[in-house]
């Protein structure tokens, strides 16, 4: 008879995977993740059947944390620019407060390992965000290219704002505001 799964072990594995992916990338062995979580490698595979299952679960776990942070103070009735700036500021604040999770998410985003159904599940965590990004138009791109390109641009500018804000906290508000201004002008062709 299989032992029941523990939520504590599940969380420990996701936290360990976050740290390992952030520092060593997705090529890191599962044994290293299990060791960091304080469990045997076989235990990791009781919770996640394959490494790809773990990677997709980690992506959803981190997206869940991020989406919770993005929704803080979000007013769906506010004007588009105000909603976008609120999400932007929450994103930068989350990245500064969670640098390991932010690095891991960046690794996961470019890994090619995240399944379409995992992306779709992540979108459902904060559906207003998709509507918000879709409201910003870039000329010369079709809808699919524009969505992917917008997200990549936002992530790049956000990484710069997070980096400068982390190294110079006294000017963090100015870096966030400047980053948003650049992102807003770029994404809206304004």
Protein backbone atom coordinates (compact mmCIF):
# COMPACT_ATOMS: atom_id res chain seq x y z
CA UNK A 1 0.00 0.00 0.00
CA UNK A 2 1.40 3.39 -1.01
CA UNK A 3 1.93 5.94 1.72
CA UNK A 4 -0.27 9.04 1.59
CA UNK A 5 1.34 12.13 0.18
CA UNK A 6 2.26 14.96 2.48
CA UNK A 7 1.47 18.56 1.57
CA UNK A 8 4.64 19.57 3.44
CA UNK A 9 6.79 17.32 1.23
CA UNK A 10 5.01 18.57 -1.88
CA UNK A 11 5.75 22.18 -0.89
CA UNK A 12 9.34 21.32 0.07
CA UNK A 13 9.89 19.77 -3.36
CA UNK A 14 8.48 22.83 -5.15
CA UNK A 15 10.59 25.19 -3.01
CA UNK A 16 13.70 23.08 -3.62
CA UNK A 17 12.97 22.97 -7.36
CA UNK A 18 12.59 26.76 -7.36
CA UNK A 19 16.03 27.19 -5.78
CA UNK A 20 17.75 24.60 -7.99
CA UNK A 21 16.19 25.81 -11.25
CA UNK A 22 17.04 29.41 -10.35
CA UNK A 23 20.67 28.61 -9.64
CA UNK A 24 21.44 25.67 -11.96
CA UNK A 25 18.77 25.74 -14.66
CA UNK A 26 16.58 22.91 -15.82
CA UNK A 27 19.55 20.63 -16.55
CA UNK A 28 20.06 20.10 -12.81
CA UNK A 29 19.38 16.48 -11.81
CA UNK A 30 16.25 15.57 -9.89
CA UNK A 31 18.50 14.00 -7.23
CA UNK A 32 19.77 17.48 -6.42
CA UNK A 33 16.21 18.78 -6.03
CA UNK A 34 15.25 15.84 -3.82
CA UNK A 35 18.38 16.29 -1.69
CA UNK A 36 17.60 20.02 -1.24
CA UNK A 37 14.04 19.10 -0.19
CA UNK A 38 15.37 16.55 2.29
CA UNK A 39 13.74 13.55 0.63
CA UNK A 40 14.88 10.56 -1.42
CA UNK A 41 14.79 10.89 -5.20
CA UNK A 42 12.14 8.15 -5.32
CA UNK A 43 9.93 10.31 -3.13
CA UNK A 44 10.18 13.14 -5.67
CA UNK A 45 8.81 10.77 -8.31
CA UNK A 46 5.91 9.77 -6.04
CA UNK A 47 4.80 13.41 -6.17
CA UNK A 48 5.82 14.18 -9.76
CA UNK A 49 5.86 11.24 -12.20
CA UNK A 50 8.57 12.78 -14.40
CA UNK A 51 10.86 15.75 -14.38
CA UNK A 52 8.66 17.40 -17.01
CA UNK A 53 5.63 17.00 -14.71
CA UNK A 54 7.66 18.64 -11.92
CA UNK A 55 8.71 21.50 -14.21
CA UNK A 56 5.11 22.17 -15.27
CA UNK A 57 3.89 21.96 -11.66
CA UNK A 58 6.65 24.37 -10.63
CA UNK A 59 5.63 26.80 -13.38
CA UNK A 60 2.01 26.78 -12.16
CA UNK A 61 3.13 27.08 -8.54
CA UNK A 62 5.25 30.16 -9.30
CA UNK A 63 2.61 31.66 -11.58
CA UNK A 64 0.09 31.21 -8.77
CA UNK A 65 2.32 33.15 -6.38
CA UNK A 66 2.90 35.84 -8.99
CA UNK A 67 -0.78 36.16 -9.91
CA UNK A 68 -1.73 36.53 -6.26
CA UNK A 69 0.78 39.38 -5.99
CA UNK A 70 -0.37 40.99 -9.27
CA UNK A 71 -3.97 41.15 -8.08
CA UNK A 72 -3.21 43.14 -4.93
CA UNK A 73 -5.23 46.33 -5.20
CA UNK A 74 -6.24 45.56 -8.81
CA UNK A 75 -9.35 47.49 -9.82
CA UNK A 76 -10.89 46.04 -13.00
CA UNK A 77 -12.96 49.23 -13.39
CA UNK A 78 -9.92 51.55 -13.44
CA UNK A 79 -8.74 53.02 -16.76
CA UNK A 80 -6.48 50.78 -18.85
CA UNK A 81 -3.27 52.66 -18.08
CA UNK A 82 -3.97 52.68 -14.32
CA UNK A 83 -4.68 48.92 -14.35
CA UNK A 84 -1.51 48.26 -16.35
CA UNK A 85 0.58 50.38 -13.98
CA UNK A 86 -0.86 48.65 -10.91
CA UNK A 87 0.01 45.23 -12.37
CA UNK A 88 3.46 46.51 -13.40
CA UNK A 89 4.24 47.85 -9.93
CA UNK A 90 3.04 44.63 -8.30
CA UNK A 91 5.18 42.59 -10.71
CA UNK A 92 8.31 44.62 -9.99
CA UNK A 93 7.66 44.47 -6.24
CA UNK A 94 7.15 40.69 -6.43
CA UNK A 95 10.37 40.24 -8.41
CA UNK A 96 12.36 42.31 -5.92
CA UNK A 97 10.89 40.44 -2.96
CA UNK A 98 11.26 37.00 -4.62
CA UNK A 99 14.46 37.05 -6.70
CA UNK A 100 14.91 33.26 -6.63
CA UNK A 101 11.35 32.62 -7.80
CA UNK A 102 11.75 35.32 -10.45
CA UNK A 103 14.97 33.71 -11.78
CA UNK A 104 13.33 30.28 -11.78
CA UNK A 105 10.30 31.63 -13.65
CA UNK A 106 12.60 33.19 -16.26
CA UNK A 107 14.35 29.83 -16.74
CA UNK A 108 11.03 28.04 -17.07
CA UNK A 109 9.63 30.59 -19.52
CA UNK A 110 12.39 29.95 -22.06
CA UNK A 111 12.77 26.21 -21.43
CA UNK A 112 10.37 24.97 -24.08
CA UNK A 113 9.14 22.48 -21.45
CA UNK A 114 5.94 24.24 -20.44
CA UNK A 115 2.96 22.52 -22.02
CA UNK A 116 0.19 24.50 -23.74
CA UNK A 117 -2.31 23.22 -21.17
CA UNK A 118 -0.04 24.49 -18.39
CA UNK A 119 0.08 27.93 -20.05
CA UNK A 120 -3.72 27.84 -20.34
CA UNK A 121 -4.08 26.92 -16.66
CA UNK A 122 -1.74 29.79 -15.72
CA UNK A 123 -3.87 32.27 -17.70
CA UNK A 124 -6.93 31.16 -15.73
CA UNK A 125 -5.20 32.21 -12.49
CA UNK A 126 -5.67 35.88 -13.41
CA UNK A 127 -7.94 36.18 -16.46
CA UNK A 128 -8.06 39.99 -16.26
CA UNK A 129 -4.34 40.03 -17.08
CA UNK A 130 -4.90 38.49 -20.52
CA UNK A 131 -7.56 41.07 -21.29
CA UNK A 132 -5.19 43.78 -20.11
CA UNK A 133 -2.31 42.65 -22.32
CA UNK A 134 -4.65 42.16 -25.28
CA UNK A 135 -5.87 45.74 -24.94
CA UNK A 136 -2.35 46.98 -25.72
CA UNK A 137 -1.69 46.77 -29.45
CA UNK A 138 1.54 46.63 -31.40
CA UNK A 139 1.35 47.52 -35.05
CA UNK A 140 2.77 45.17 -37.65
CA UNK A 141 2.20 41.95 -35.68
CA UNK A 142 -0.66 39.48 -35.79
CA UNK A 143 -2.50 38.72 -32.54
CA UNK A 144 -0.44 35.63 -31.62
CA UNK A 145 2.90 37.28 -32.34
CA UNK A 146 1.81 40.41 -30.56
CA UNK A 147 0.82 38.56 -27.35
CA UNK A 148 4.07 36.61 -27.14
CA UNK A 149 6.15 39.62 -28.13
CA UNK A 150 4.38 41.89 -25.60
CA UNK A 151 5.07 39.44 -22.79
CA UNK A 152 8.73 39.17 -23.78
CA UNK A 153 9.12 42.95 -23.95
CA UNK A 154 7.43 43.42 -20.60
CA UNK A 155 9.60 40.75 -18.98
CA UNK A 156 12.78 42.30 -20.38
CA UNK A 157 12.00 45.82 -19.22
CA UNK A 158 10.78 44.45 -15.88
CA UNK A 159 14.05 42.59 -15.35
CA UNK A 160 15.97 45.84 -15.83
CA UNK A 161 13.67 47.70 -13.43
CA UNK A 162 13.96 44.90 -10.84
CA UNK A 163 17.72 44.77 -11.13
CA UNK A 164 18.25 48.50 -10.72
CA UNK A 165 15.62 48.73 -7.96
CA UNK A 166 17.33 45.92 -6.05
CA UNK A 167 20.78 47.48 -6.26
CA UNK A 168 19.57 51.04 -5.56
CA UNK A 169 16.47 50.77 -3.32
CA UNK A 170 16.40 54.52 -2.66
CA UNK A 171 15.53 55.06 -6.34
CA UNK A 172 13.27 52.03 -6.77
CA UNK A 173 10.13 54.13 -7.24
CA UNK A 174 11.82 56.10 -10.03
CA UNK A 175 13.03 52.92 -11.75
CA UNK A 176 9.55 51.40 -11.59
CA UNK A 177 7.96 54.58 -12.98
CA UNK A 178 10.53 54.92 -15.77
CA UNK A 179 10.24 51.24 -16.65
CA UNK A 180 6.47 51.51 -16.82
CA UNK A 181 6.67 54.62 -19.02
CA UNK A 182 8.97 52.80 -21.47
CA UNK A 183 6.84 49.67 -21.42
CA UNK A 184 3.59 51.62 -21.83
CA UNK A 185 4.87 53.65 -24.79
CA UNK A 186 6.30 50.55 -26.43
CA UNK A 187 3.27 48.33 -25.98
CA UNK A 188 0.65 50.90 -26.90
CA UNK A 189 2.52 52.64 -29.73
CA UNK A 190 1.73 55.85 -27.83
